[in-house]
Amino acid sequence: MMRPFDDATRRNIAAACAAFTRLPEDEAPAALKRAAVVIALTAASERDDTAFLLTLRASHLHAHRGQWALPGGRCDAGETPVQAALRELDEELGLRLTGAEVLGTLDDYPTRSGYLITPVVVWAADSAAIKPNPDEVASVHRIALATVERADAFDFVAIPESTRRVIRFHHQSSLIHAPTAALIYQFREVLAGRHTRVTELEQPVLAWK
């Protein structure tokens, strides 16, 4: 479904986020380190549609090098997840937004590597300001919301190492796994008015460290 990048779409997405009830924070293990990622909504470059920003991490990074990811990172001491998400968006892509552009937050996702990730949905109207930081980002891509709303955008596979299913997002010729795929999938479900939980969706074994 086409979603023009306009005020009406912003209001509709904000309303969908407001109608979503997050899982209680006390259900997550207390030992996990807090982190945040951003689902930054902007205009698709090829047509009048709303897209979110997905990055390819720089190949020289110590952790998760060369992987697809939403902008984000670990919360600094004293930071809330929203504050961390906005800071990371500025550091990685040069987009300096305020709390006024935050449309909502989704469920915290616990990772196998010991993090609890909060997804923060923001409206990034000034996409011309995007300047990827080469120290962290190899490239940045605009993924139209219509892409993730296709029936074949995601699949779920079993692995012998877990009783939980691994979620995969099909992007061009790449397979993107959880946590990124799980968070994008939940956002897709929120847009459709479904309160689908994703904390039990598994990551591939290579991400368990």
N, C-alpha and C. Protein backbone atom coordinates (compact mmCIF):
# COMPACT_ATOMS: atom_id res chain seq x y z
N MET A 1 0.85 -1.19 0.00
CA MET A 1 0.00 0.00 0.00
C MET A 1 0.88 1.24 0.00
N MET A 2 0.61 2.14 -0.92
CA MET A 2 1.36 3.39 -1.00
C MET A 2 1.04 4.28 0.21
N ARG A 3 2.10 4.82 0.82
CA ARG A 3 1.93 5.74 1.95
C ARG A 3 2.69 7.02 1.62
N PRO A 4 2.01 8.02 1.05
CA PRO A 4 2.70 9.27 0.71
C PRO A 4 3.39 9.86 1.93
N PHE A 5 4.54 10.46 1.71
CA PHE A 5 5.27 11.08 2.82
C PHE A 5 4.69 12.46 3.05
N ASP A 6 3.63 12.51 3.87
CA ASP A 6 2.94 13.77 4.11
C ASP A 6 2.40 13.79 5.53
N ASP A 7 1.75 14.89 5.89
CA ASP A 7 1.26 15.06 7.26
C ASP A 7 0.20 14.02 7.62
N ALA A 8 -0.60 13.61 6.65
CA ALA A 8 -1.63 12.61 6.93
C ALA A 8 -1.00 11.28 7.30
N THR A 9 0.05 10.89 6.58
CA THR A 9 0.74 9.64 6.90
C THR A 9 1.40 9.73 8.27
N ARG A 10 2.00 10.88 8.56
CA ARG A 10 2.60 11.06 9.89
C ARG A 10 1.55 10.88 10.98
N ARG A 11 0.39 11.48 10.82
CA ARG A 11 -0.66 11.36 11.83
C ARG A 11 -1.13 9.91 11.95
N ASN A 12 -1.27 9.23 10.83
CA ASN A 12 -1.73 7.84 10.86
C ASN A 12 -0.73 6.92 11.56
N ILE A 13 0.54 7.12 11.28
CA ILE A 13 1.56 6.27 11.91
C ILE A 13 1.68 6.60 13.39
N ALA A 14 1.61 7.87 13.73
CA ALA A 14 1.63 8.26 15.15
C ALA A 14 0.45 7.64 15.89
N ALA A 15 -0.71 7.62 15.26
CA ALA A 15 -1.89 7.03 15.89
C ALA A 15 -1.72 5.52 16.06
N ALA A 16 -1.13 4.86 15.06
CA ALA A 16 -0.89 3.42 15.16
C ALA A 16 0.08 3.11 16.29
N CYS A 17 1.12 3.93 16.43
CA CYS A 17 2.09 3.73 17.53
C CYS A 17 1.44 3.98 18.88
N ALA A 18 0.58 5.00 18.96
CA ALA A 18 -0.09 5.33 20.22
C ALA A 18 -1.05 4.23 20.63
N ALA A 19 -1.63 3.54 19.65
CA ALA A 19 -2.59 2.46 19.94
C ALA A 19 -1.90 1.17 20.35
N PHE A 20 -0.59 1.10 20.12
CA PHE A 20 0.18 -0.10 20.43
C PHE A 20 0.55 -0.11 21.92
N THR A 21 0.29 -1.22 22.59
CA THR A 21 0.63 -1.37 24.00
C THR A 21 1.90 -2.18 24.14
N ARG A 22 2.96 -1.55 24.62
CA ARG A 22 4.24 -2.23 24.77
C ARG A 22 4.18 -3.26 25.89
N LEU A 23 5.02 -4.29 25.76
CA LEU A 23 5.16 -5.25 26.85
C LEU A 23 5.74 -4.54 28.07
N PRO A 24 5.34 -4.94 29.29
CA PRO A 24 5.91 -4.32 30.49
C PRO A 24 7.42 -4.51 30.56
N GLU A 25 8.13 -3.46 30.95
CA GLU A 25 9.59 -3.54 31.00
C GLU A 25 10.09 -4.54 32.03
N ASP A 26 9.29 -4.80 33.07
CA ASP A 26 9.75 -5.70 34.12
C ASP A 26 9.74 -7.16 33.68
N GLU A 27 9.27 -7.44 32.47
CA GLU A 27 9.31 -8.81 31.96
C GLU A 27 10.66 -9.15 31.34
N ALA A 28 11.50 -8.15 31.11
CA ALA A 28 12.82 -8.39 30.51
C ALA A 28 13.86 -8.64 31.61
N PRO A 29 14.86 -9.49 31.33
CA PRO A 29 15.91 -9.74 32.32
C PRO A 29 16.64 -8.46 32.69
N ALA A 30 16.82 -8.23 33.98
CA ALA A 30 17.42 -6.98 34.46
C ALA A 30 18.90 -6.87 34.09
N ALA A 31 19.56 -7.98 33.83
CA ALA A 31 21.00 -7.96 33.59
C ALA A 31 21.36 -7.45 32.19
N LEU A 32 20.40 -7.32 31.32
CA LEU A 32 20.70 -6.91 29.95
C LEU A 32 21.09 -5.44 29.89
N LYS A 33 22.03 -5.12 29.01
CA LYS A 33 22.46 -3.74 28.79
C LYS A 33 21.46 -3.05 27.88
N ARG A 34 21.15 -1.79 28.17
CA ARG A 34 20.14 -1.07 27.39
C ARG A 34 20.75 -0.52 26.10
N ALA A 35 19.96 -0.62 25.03
CA ALA A 35 20.34 -0.07 23.74
C ALA A 35 19.08 0.42 23.04
N ALA A 36 19.25 1.18 21.98
CA ALA A 36 18.11 1.71 21.24
C ALA A 36 18.45 1.76 19.77
N VAL A 37 17.44 1.57 18.94
CA VAL A 37 17.59 1.75 17.49
C VAL A 37 16.47 2.67 17.01
N VAL A 38 16.65 3.20 15.81
CA VAL A 38 15.70 4.15 15.26
C VAL A 38 15.06 3.60 14.00
N ILE A 39 13.74 3.62 13.95
CA ILE A 39 13.02 3.42 12.70
C ILE A 39 12.70 4.83 12.21
N ALA A 40 13.60 5.36 11.37
CA ALA A 40 13.52 6.75 10.92
C ALA A 40 12.75 6.81 9.61
N LEU A 41 11.60 7.45 9.65
CA LEU A 41 10.72 7.52 8.48
C LEU A 41 11.04 8.78 7.67
N THR A 42 11.18 8.59 6.37
CA THR A 42 11.53 9.68 5.48
C THR A 42 10.92 9.41 4.12
N ALA A 43 11.21 10.25 3.15
CA ALA A 43 10.65 10.06 1.82
C ALA A 43 11.51 9.07 1.03
N ALA A 44 10.85 8.14 0.35
CA ALA A 44 11.56 7.25 -0.56
C ALA A 44 12.12 8.09 -1.70
N SER A 45 13.30 7.73 -2.18
CA SER A 45 13.98 8.57 -3.17
C SER A 45 13.41 8.42 -4.57
N GLU A 46 12.79 7.27 -4.87
CA GLU A 46 12.37 7.01 -6.24
C GLU A 46 10.91 7.38 -6.51
N ARG A 47 10.11 7.55 -5.48
CA ARG A 47 8.70 7.86 -5.70
C ARG A 47 8.13 8.51 -4.44
N ASP A 48 6.92 8.99 -4.56
CA ASP A 48 6.27 9.68 -3.44
C ASP A 48 5.72 8.66 -2.46
N ASP A 49 6.60 8.10 -1.66
CA ASP A 49 6.22 7.08 -0.71
C ASP A 49 7.03 7.29 0.57
N THR A 50 6.53 6.75 1.67
CA THR A 50 7.26 6.82 2.94
C THR A 50 8.17 5.62 3.04
N ALA A 51 9.37 5.85 3.53
CA ALA A 51 10.38 4.80 3.67
C ALA A 51 11.01 4.90 5.04
N PHE A 52 11.73 3.85 5.46
CA PHE A 52 12.56 3.93 6.65
C PHE A 52 14.01 3.74 6.25
N LEU A 53 14.91 4.20 7.10
CA LEU A 53 16.33 4.17 6.79
C LEU A 53 16.99 2.90 7.35
N LEU A 54 17.72 2.23 6.48
CA LEU A 54 18.47 1.04 6.86
C LEU A 54 19.92 1.26 6.47
N THR A 55 20.83 0.93 7.36
CA THR A 55 22.25 1.16 7.07
C THR A 55 22.99 -0.15 6.88
N LEU A 56 24.08 -0.05 6.14
CA LEU A 56 25.05 -1.13 6.06
C LEU A 56 26.25 -0.69 6.89
N ARG A 57 26.55 -1.46 7.93
CA ARG A 57 27.60 -1.05 8.85
C ARG A 57 28.97 -1.12 8.19
N ALA A 58 29.87 -0.22 8.60
CA ALA A 58 31.21 -0.16 8.02
C ALA A 58 31.96 -1.48 8.24
N SER A 59 32.79 -1.82 7.28
CA SER A 59 33.49 -3.11 7.31
C SER A 59 34.61 -3.17 8.33
N HIS A 60 35.05 -2.01 8.84
CA HIS A 60 36.16 -1.99 9.80
C HIS A 60 35.70 -1.97 11.26
N LEU A 61 34.39 -1.97 11.50
CA LEU A 61 33.90 -1.94 12.87
C LEU A 61 34.25 -3.22 13.61
N HIS A 62 34.39 -3.11 14.93
CA HIS A 62 34.76 -4.27 15.73
C HIS A 62 33.60 -5.26 15.83
N ALA A 63 32.38 -4.74 15.98
CA ALA A 63 31.22 -5.61 16.16
C ALA A 63 30.24 -5.46 15.00
N HIS A 64 29.71 -6.58 14.53
CA HIS A 64 28.67 -6.61 13.50
C HIS A 64 29.09 -5.86 12.24
N ARG A 65 30.35 -5.98 11.87
CA ARG A 65 30.85 -5.28 10.68
C ARG A 65 30.15 -5.82 9.42
N GLY A 66 29.87 -4.90 8.51
CA GLY A 66 29.30 -5.28 7.23
C GLY A 66 27.87 -5.78 7.28
N GLN A 67 27.18 -5.61 8.41
CA GLN A 67 25.81 -6.11 8.54
C GLN A 67 24.79 -4.99 8.31
N TRP A 68 23.60 -5.41 7.87
CA TRP A 68 22.48 -4.48 7.77
C TRP A 68 21.97 -4.17 9.17
N ALA A 69 21.60 -2.91 9.40
CA ALA A 69 21.15 -2.53 10.74
C ALA A 69 20.32 -1.26 10.68
N LEU A 70 19.44 -1.11 11.65
CA LEU A 70 18.82 0.18 11.91
C LEU A 70 19.81 1.06 12.65
N PRO A 71 19.81 2.38 12.44
CA PRO A 71 20.72 3.24 13.21
C PRO A 71 20.47 3.04 14.70
N GLY A 72 21.54 3.03 15.47
CA GLY A 72 21.35 2.87 16.91
C GLY A 72 22.60 2.37 17.60
N GLY A 73 22.47 2.15 18.91
CA GLY A 73 23.60 1.67 19.68
C GLY A 73 23.27 1.64 21.16
N ARG A 74 24.28 1.45 21.95
CA ARG A 74 24.13 1.30 23.40
C ARG A 74 23.76 2.64 24.05
N CYS A 75 22.93 2.58 25.07
CA CYS A 75 22.59 3.77 25.84
C CYS A 75 23.77 4.18 26.72
N ASP A 76 24.10 5.46 26.72
CA ASP A 76 25.11 5.97 27.63
C ASP A 76 24.52 6.07 29.04
N ALA A 77 25.39 6.19 30.02
CA ALA A 77 24.94 6.32 31.41
C ALA A 77 23.99 7.50 31.55
N GLY A 78 22.83 7.26 32.15
CA GLY A 78 21.86 8.31 32.39
C GLY A 78 20.95 8.62 31.23
N GLU A 79 21.18 7.99 30.08
CA GLU A 79 20.33 8.23 28.92
C GLU A 79 19.08 7.36 28.92
N THR A 80 17.98 7.90 28.45
CA THR A 80 16.81 7.08 28.16
C THR A 80 17.01 6.48 26.77
N PRO A 81 16.27 5.41 26.45
CA PRO A 81 16.37 4.86 25.09
C PRO A 81 16.05 5.88 24.00
N VAL A 82 15.07 6.75 24.23
CA VAL A 82 14.74 7.76 23.22
C VAL A 82 15.90 8.72 23.03
N GLN A 83 16.52 9.16 24.12
CA GLN A 83 17.67 10.05 24.01
C GLN A 83 18.82 9.36 23.28
N ALA A 84 19.06 8.09 23.59
CA ALA A 84 20.13 7.36 22.92
C ALA A 84 19.84 7.20 21.44
N ALA A 85 18.60 6.91 21.10
CA ALA A 85 18.22 6.73 19.70
C ALA A 85 18.47 8.01 18.90
N LEU A 86 18.06 9.16 19.46
CA LEU A 86 18.25 10.42 18.76
C LEU A 86 19.73 10.77 18.65
N ARG A 87 20.50 10.48 19.68
CA ARG A 87 21.94 10.75 19.62
C ARG A 87 22.60 9.89 18.55
N GLU A 88 22.27 8.60 18.52
CA GLU A 88 22.87 7.69 17.55
C GLU A 88 22.49 8.08 16.12
N LEU A 89 21.25 8.53 15.93
CA LEU A 89 20.83 8.95 14.60
C LEU A 89 21.66 10.14 14.12
N ASP A 90 21.96 11.05 15.03
CA ASP A 90 22.81 12.20 14.70
C ASP A 90 24.23 11.74 14.42
N GLU A 91 24.77 10.86 15.26
CA GLU A 91 26.15 10.42 15.10
C GLU A 91 26.36 9.60 13.83
N GLU A 92 25.40 8.77 13.48
CA GLU A 92 25.56 7.88 12.33
C GLU A 92 25.17 8.52 11.01
N LEU A 93 24.09 9.32 11.02
CA LEU A 93 23.56 9.83 9.75
C LEU A 93 23.47 11.35 9.69
N GLY A 94 23.87 12.04 10.73
CA GLY A 94 23.82 13.50 10.71
C GLY A 94 22.43 14.07 10.80
N LEU A 95 21.46 13.28 11.24
CA LEU A 95 20.09 13.77 11.39
C LEU A 95 19.88 14.17 12.85
N ARG A 96 19.70 15.45 13.08
CA ARG A 96 19.54 15.97 14.44
C ARG A 96 18.07 16.27 14.68
N LEU A 97 17.39 15.34 15.36
CA LEU A 97 15.96 15.48 15.63
C LEU A 97 15.73 15.70 17.12
N THR A 98 14.52 16.09 17.46
CA THR A 98 14.15 16.31 18.86
C THR A 98 13.01 15.36 19.22
N GLY A 99 12.62 15.41 20.48
CA GLY A 99 11.52 14.57 20.94
C GLY A 99 10.22 14.84 20.20
N ALA A 100 10.09 16.03 19.58
CA ALA A 100 8.86 16.35 18.85
C ALA A 100 8.68 15.47 17.63
N GLU A 101 9.78 14.88 17.13
CA GLU A 101 9.70 14.02 15.94
C GLU A 101 9.51 12.55 16.30
N VAL A 102 9.48 12.23 17.60
CA VAL A 102 9.29 10.84 18.03
C VAL A 102 7.80 10.49 17.94
N LEU A 103 7.50 9.42 17.20
CA LEU A 103 6.10 8.99 17.03
C LEU A 103 5.70 7.89 18.00
N GLY A 104 6.68 7.19 18.56
CA GLY A 104 6.35 6.12 19.50
C GLY A 104 7.49 5.15 19.66
N THR A 105 7.29 4.18 20.52
CA THR A 105 8.27 3.11 20.75
C THR A 105 7.58 1.76 20.67
N LEU A 106 8.35 0.74 20.27
CA LEU A 106 7.82 -0.61 20.16
C LEU A 106 8.36 -1.46 21.31
N ASP A 107 8.10 -2.76 21.27
CA ASP A 107 8.56 -3.65 22.34
C ASP A 107 10.08 -3.71 22.43
N ASP A 108 10.59 -3.78 23.64
CA ASP A 108 12.02 -4.05 23.83
C ASP A 108 12.33 -5.47 23.36
N TYR A 109 13.46 -5.61 22.67
CA TYR A 109 13.85 -6.92 22.14
C TYR A 109 15.14 -7.38 22.83
N PRO A 110 15.12 -8.51 23.55
CA PRO A 110 16.34 -9.02 24.20
C PRO A 110 17.18 -9.82 23.22
N THR A 111 18.45 -9.49 23.12
CA THR A 111 19.33 -10.18 22.18
C THR A 111 20.14 -11.26 22.87
N ARG A 112 20.61 -12.18 22.07
CA ARG A 112 21.48 -13.25 22.59
C ARG A 112 22.81 -12.71 23.09
N SER A 113 23.22 -11.54 22.60
CA SER A 113 24.51 -10.97 23.00
C SER A 113 24.42 -10.11 24.25
N GLY A 114 23.23 -10.05 24.89
CA GLY A 114 23.13 -9.39 26.19
C GLY A 114 22.59 -7.98 26.19
N TYR A 115 21.88 -7.61 25.13
CA TYR A 115 21.32 -6.26 25.07
C TYR A 115 19.79 -6.31 25.07
N LEU A 116 19.20 -5.23 25.55
CA LEU A 116 17.76 -5.04 25.47
C LEU A 116 17.55 -3.81 24.59
N ILE A 117 17.03 -4.04 23.38
CA ILE A 117 16.95 -2.98 22.37
C ILE A 117 15.54 -2.38 22.35
N THR A 118 15.47 -1.07 22.47
CA THR A 118 14.21 -0.35 22.35
C THR A 118 14.13 0.28 20.96
N PRO A 119 13.13 -0.07 20.15
CA PRO A 119 12.95 0.58 18.85
C PRO A 119 12.16 1.88 19.00
N VAL A 120 12.69 2.96 18.46
CA VAL A 120 12.08 4.28 18.55
C VAL A 120 11.70 4.72 17.14
N VAL A 121 10.44 5.02 16.92
CA VAL A 121 9.94 5.44 15.61
C VAL A 121 9.97 6.97 15.55
N VAL A 122 10.64 7.51 14.52
CA VAL A 122 10.74 8.97 14.40
C VAL A 122 10.38 9.40 12.98
N TRP A 123 9.99 10.66 12.86
CA TRP A 123 9.66 11.26 11.57
C TRP A 123 10.80 12.18 11.18
N ALA A 124 11.53 11.80 10.12
CA ALA A 124 12.74 12.53 9.70
C ALA A 124 12.43 13.27 8.39
N ALA A 125 11.81 14.43 8.51
CA ALA A 125 11.34 15.14 7.32
C ALA A 125 12.48 15.65 6.45
N ASP A 126 13.57 16.11 7.07
CA ASP A 126 14.66 16.73 6.31
C ASP A 126 15.67 15.67 5.87
N SER A 127 15.26 14.83 4.91
CA SER A 127 16.15 13.74 4.50
C SER A 127 17.36 14.24 3.73
N ALA A 128 17.30 15.49 3.23
CA ALA A 128 18.46 16.04 2.53
C ALA A 128 19.65 16.22 3.47
N ALA A 129 19.37 16.21 4.77
CA ALA A 129 20.44 16.40 5.76
C ALA A 129 21.22 15.13 6.03
N ILE A 130 20.82 14.00 5.47
CA ILE A 130 21.48 12.73 5.76
C ILE A 130 22.91 12.75 5.25
N LYS A 131 23.85 12.55 6.16
CA LYS A 131 25.28 12.48 5.82
C LYS A 131 25.88 11.32 6.60
N PRO A 132 25.95 10.13 5.99
CA PRO A 132 26.46 8.96 6.71
C PRO A 132 27.87 9.18 7.24
N ASN A 133 28.09 8.79 8.47
CA ASN A 133 29.40 8.88 9.11
C ASN A 133 30.23 7.68 8.65
N PRO A 134 31.30 7.90 7.87
CA PRO A 134 32.08 6.77 7.34
C PRO A 134 32.75 5.92 8.41
N ASP A 135 32.89 6.48 9.62
CA ASP A 135 33.47 5.69 10.70
C ASP A 135 32.53 4.57 11.15
N GLU A 136 31.23 4.72 10.85
CA GLU A 136 30.25 3.75 11.33
C GLU A 136 29.39 3.15 10.21
N VAL A 137 29.18 3.92 9.15
CA VAL A 137 28.20 3.53 8.14
C VAL A 137 28.84 3.45 6.76
N ALA A 138 28.69 2.29 6.11
CA ALA A 138 29.20 2.15 4.74
C ALA A 138 28.23 2.76 3.74
N SER A 139 26.93 2.59 3.97
CA SER A 139 25.92 3.15 3.07
C SER A 139 24.59 3.19 3.80
N VAL A 140 23.69 4.05 3.31
CA VAL A 140 22.35 4.17 3.90
C VAL A 140 21.33 3.99 2.79
N HIS A 141 20.24 3.29 3.11
CA HIS A 141 19.26 2.91 2.10
C HIS A 141 17.86 3.27 2.59
N ARG A 142 17.01 3.69 1.67
CA ARG A 142 15.61 4.01 1.96
C ARG A 142 14.75 2.83 1.53
N ILE A 143 14.07 2.21 2.49
CA ILE A 143 13.24 1.04 2.23
C ILE A 143 11.78 1.46 2.31
N ALA A 144 11.09 1.46 1.19
CA ALA A 144 9.69 1.88 1.17
C ALA A 144 8.86 0.96 2.06
N LEU A 145 7.92 1.56 2.78
CA LEU A 145 7.07 0.75 3.66
C LEU A 145 6.30 -0.31 2.87
N ALA A 146 5.97 0.00 1.62
CA ALA A 146 5.27 -0.98 0.79
C ALA A 146 6.11 -2.25 0.62
N THR A 147 7.43 -2.12 0.69
CA THR A 147 8.32 -3.28 0.54
C THR A 147 8.13 -4.27 1.68
N VAL A 148 8.06 -3.77 2.93
CA VAL A 148 7.95 -4.67 4.07
C VAL A 148 6.52 -5.16 4.27
N GLU A 149 5.57 -4.53 3.61
CA GLU A 149 4.18 -4.94 3.73
C GLU A 149 3.81 -6.03 2.72
N ARG A 150 4.74 -6.42 1.85
CA ARG A 150 4.48 -7.53 0.94
C ARG A 150 4.37 -8.84 1.70
N ALA A 151 3.56 -9.75 1.21
CA ALA A 151 3.36 -11.03 1.88
C ALA A 151 4.64 -11.85 1.94
N ASP A 152 5.53 -11.67 0.98
CA ASP A 152 6.76 -12.48 0.92
C ASP A 152 7.98 -11.75 1.47
N ALA A 153 7.77 -10.64 2.18
CA ALA A 153 8.91 -9.86 2.68
C ALA A 153 9.66 -10.58 3.80
N PHE A 154 8.96 -11.41 4.58
CA PHE A 154 9.55 -12.10 5.72
C PHE A 154 9.28 -13.60 5.61
N ASP A 155 10.19 -14.38 6.17
CA ASP A 155 9.88 -15.79 6.38
C ASP A 155 10.45 -16.23 7.72
N PHE A 156 10.08 -17.43 8.14
CA PHE A 156 10.44 -17.95 9.45
C PHE A 156 10.97 -19.37 9.24
N VAL A 157 12.16 -19.63 9.78
CA VAL A 157 12.79 -20.94 9.57
C VAL A 157 13.18 -21.56 10.91
N ALA A 158 13.18 -22.87 10.95
CA ALA A 158 13.61 -23.61 12.14
C ALA A 158 15.11 -23.87 12.07
N ILE A 159 15.75 -23.87 13.24
CA ILE A 159 17.16 -24.23 13.33
C ILE A 159 17.31 -25.28 14.44
N PRO A 160 18.30 -26.18 14.31
CA PRO A 160 18.44 -27.24 15.32
C PRO A 160 18.87 -26.74 16.68
N GLU A 161 19.47 -25.56 16.74
CA GLU A 161 20.02 -25.04 17.99
C GLU A 161 18.98 -24.39 18.89
N SER A 162 17.74 -24.21 18.43
CA SER A 162 16.74 -23.50 19.21
C SER A 162 15.35 -24.01 18.89
N THR A 163 14.46 -23.89 19.87
CA THR A 163 13.05 -24.22 19.63
C THR A 163 12.29 -23.03 19.05
N ARG A 164 12.95 -21.89 18.97
CA ARG A 164 12.35 -20.67 18.45
C ARG A 164 12.66 -20.51 16.96
N ARG A 165 11.75 -19.90 16.23
CA ARG A 165 11.94 -19.70 14.80
C ARG A 165 12.81 -18.48 14.52
N VAL A 166 13.68 -18.61 13.54
CA VAL A 166 14.49 -17.48 13.07
C VAL A 166 13.68 -16.69 12.05
N ILE A 167 13.58 -15.38 12.25
CA ILE A 167 12.90 -14.53 11.29
C ILE A 167 13.91 -13.95 10.32
N ARG A 168 13.50 -13.86 9.04
CA ARG A 168 14.38 -13.31 8.02
C ARG A 168 13.59 -12.30 7.17
N PHE A 169 14.21 -11.16 6.90
CA PHE A 169 13.64 -10.15 6.02
C PHE A 169 14.40 -10.21 4.70
N HIS A 170 13.66 -10.38 3.62
CA HIS A 170 14.27 -10.47 2.29
C HIS A 170 14.41 -9.06 1.72
N HIS A 171 15.65 -8.61 1.61
CA HIS A 171 15.93 -7.28 1.07
C HIS A 171 16.88 -7.42 -0.10
N GLN A 172 16.38 -7.15 -1.31
CA GLN A 172 17.16 -7.32 -2.52
C GLN A 172 17.73 -8.75 -2.54
N SER A 173 19.01 -8.91 -2.57
CA SER A 173 19.58 -10.27 -2.58
C SER A 173 20.08 -10.69 -1.21
N SER A 174 19.76 -9.90 -0.19
CA SER A 174 20.24 -10.18 1.16
C SER A 174 19.14 -10.74 2.05
N LEU A 175 19.58 -11.50 3.06
CA LEU A 175 18.68 -11.94 4.12
C LEU A 175 19.09 -11.20 5.39
N ILE A 176 18.16 -10.44 5.95
CA ILE A 176 18.42 -9.69 7.17
C ILE A 176 17.71 -10.41 8.31
N HIS A 177 18.46 -10.70 9.38
CA HIS A 177 17.93 -11.48 10.49
C HIS A 177 17.59 -10.60 11.69
N ALA A 178 17.09 -11.24 12.74
CA ALA A 178 16.85 -10.55 14.01
C ALA A 178 18.20 -10.18 14.63
N PRO A 179 18.25 -9.09 15.40
CA PRO A 179 17.11 -8.31 15.87
C PRO A 179 16.50 -7.36 14.85
N THR A 180 17.29 -6.94 13.83
CA THR A 180 16.77 -5.95 12.88
C THR A 180 15.49 -6.42 12.21
N ALA A 181 15.48 -7.66 11.73
CA ALA A 181 14.29 -8.17 11.03
C ALA A 181 13.09 -8.22 11.96
N ALA A 182 13.30 -8.61 13.21
CA ALA A 182 12.19 -8.71 14.16
C ALA A 182 11.57 -7.34 14.43
N LEU A 183 12.40 -6.32 14.56
CA LEU A 183 11.90 -4.98 14.86
C LEU A 183 11.15 -4.39 13.67
N ILE A 184 11.68 -4.61 12.47
CA ILE A 184 10.99 -4.13 11.28
C ILE A 184 9.65 -4.86 11.12
N TYR A 185 9.66 -6.16 11.41
CA TYR A 185 8.43 -6.94 11.30
C TYR A 185 7.37 -6.43 12.28
N GLN A 186 7.77 -6.15 13.51
CA GLN A 186 6.78 -5.64 14.46
C GLN A 186 6.25 -4.29 14.02
N PHE A 187 7.10 -3.44 13.47
CA PHE A 187 6.62 -2.15 12.97
C PHE A 187 5.62 -2.36 11.84
N ARG A 188 5.89 -3.29 10.96
CA ARG A 188 4.94 -3.61 9.89
C ARG A 188 3.58 -4.02 10.48
N GLU A 189 3.62 -4.83 11.53
CA GLU A 189 2.39 -5.30 12.16
C GLU A 189 1.65 -4.16 12.87
N VAL A 190 2.39 -3.27 13.51
CA VAL A 190 1.78 -2.11 14.17
C VAL A 190 1.05 -1.25 13.14
N LEU A 191 1.65 -1.05 11.96
CA LEU A 191 1.01 -0.27 10.91
C LEU A 191 -0.32 -0.89 10.49
N ALA A 192 -0.39 -2.22 10.58
CA ALA A 192 -1.62 -2.93 10.20
C ALA A 192 -2.61 -3.03 11.36
N GLY A 193 -2.25 -2.46 12.51
CA GLY A 193 -3.15 -2.50 13.66
C GLY A 193 -3.10 -3.79 14.44
N ARG A 194 -2.01 -4.58 14.26
CA ARG A 194 -1.88 -5.86 14.95
C ARG A 194 -0.82 -5.74 16.04
N HIS A 195 -1.15 -6.22 17.24
CA HIS A 195 -0.20 -6.19 18.36
C HIS A 195 0.58 -7.50 18.38
N THR A 196 1.42 -7.69 17.37
CA THR A 196 2.19 -8.92 17.22
C THR A 196 3.48 -8.82 18.03
N ARG A 197 3.74 -9.82 18.87
CA ARG A 197 4.96 -9.82 19.69
C ARG A 197 6.10 -10.51 18.94
N VAL A 198 7.32 -10.04 19.19
CA VAL A 198 8.46 -10.57 18.44
C VAL A 198 9.61 -11.01 19.34
N THR A 199 9.44 -10.91 20.66
CA THR A 199 10.55 -11.24 21.55
C THR A 199 10.97 -12.70 21.47
N GLU A 200 10.07 -13.57 21.03
CA GLU A 200 10.41 -14.99 20.91
C GLU A 200 10.95 -15.36 19.54
N LEU A 201 11.05 -14.40 18.65
CA LEU A 201 11.66 -14.68 17.35
C LEU A 201 13.17 -14.75 17.50
N GLU A 202 13.75 -15.77 16.93
CA GLU A 202 15.14 -16.10 17.18
C GLU A 202 16.11 -15.36 16.24
N GLN A 203 17.33 -15.22 16.74
CA GLN A 203 18.43 -14.71 15.93
C GLN A 203 19.23 -15.90 15.39
N PRO A 204 19.96 -15.71 14.28
CA PRO A 204 20.82 -16.79 13.80
C PRO A 204 21.95 -17.07 14.78
N VAL A 205 22.48 -18.25 14.74
CA VAL A 205 23.53 -18.64 15.70
C VAL A 205 24.73 -17.70 15.64
N LEU A 206 25.04 -17.18 14.47
CA LEU A 206 26.21 -16.31 14.34
C LEU A 206 26.07 -15.03 15.17
N ALA A 207 24.85 -14.70 15.60
CA ALA A 207 24.61 -13.49 16.39
C ALA A 207 24.52 -13.77 17.88
N TRP A 208 24.84 -15.00 18.30
CA TRP A 208 24.67 -15.36 19.70
C TRP A 208 25.84 -14.94 20.58
N LYS A 209 26.80 -14.21 20.04
CA LYS A 209 27.98 -13.81 20.84
C LYS A 209 27.97 -12.32 21.10
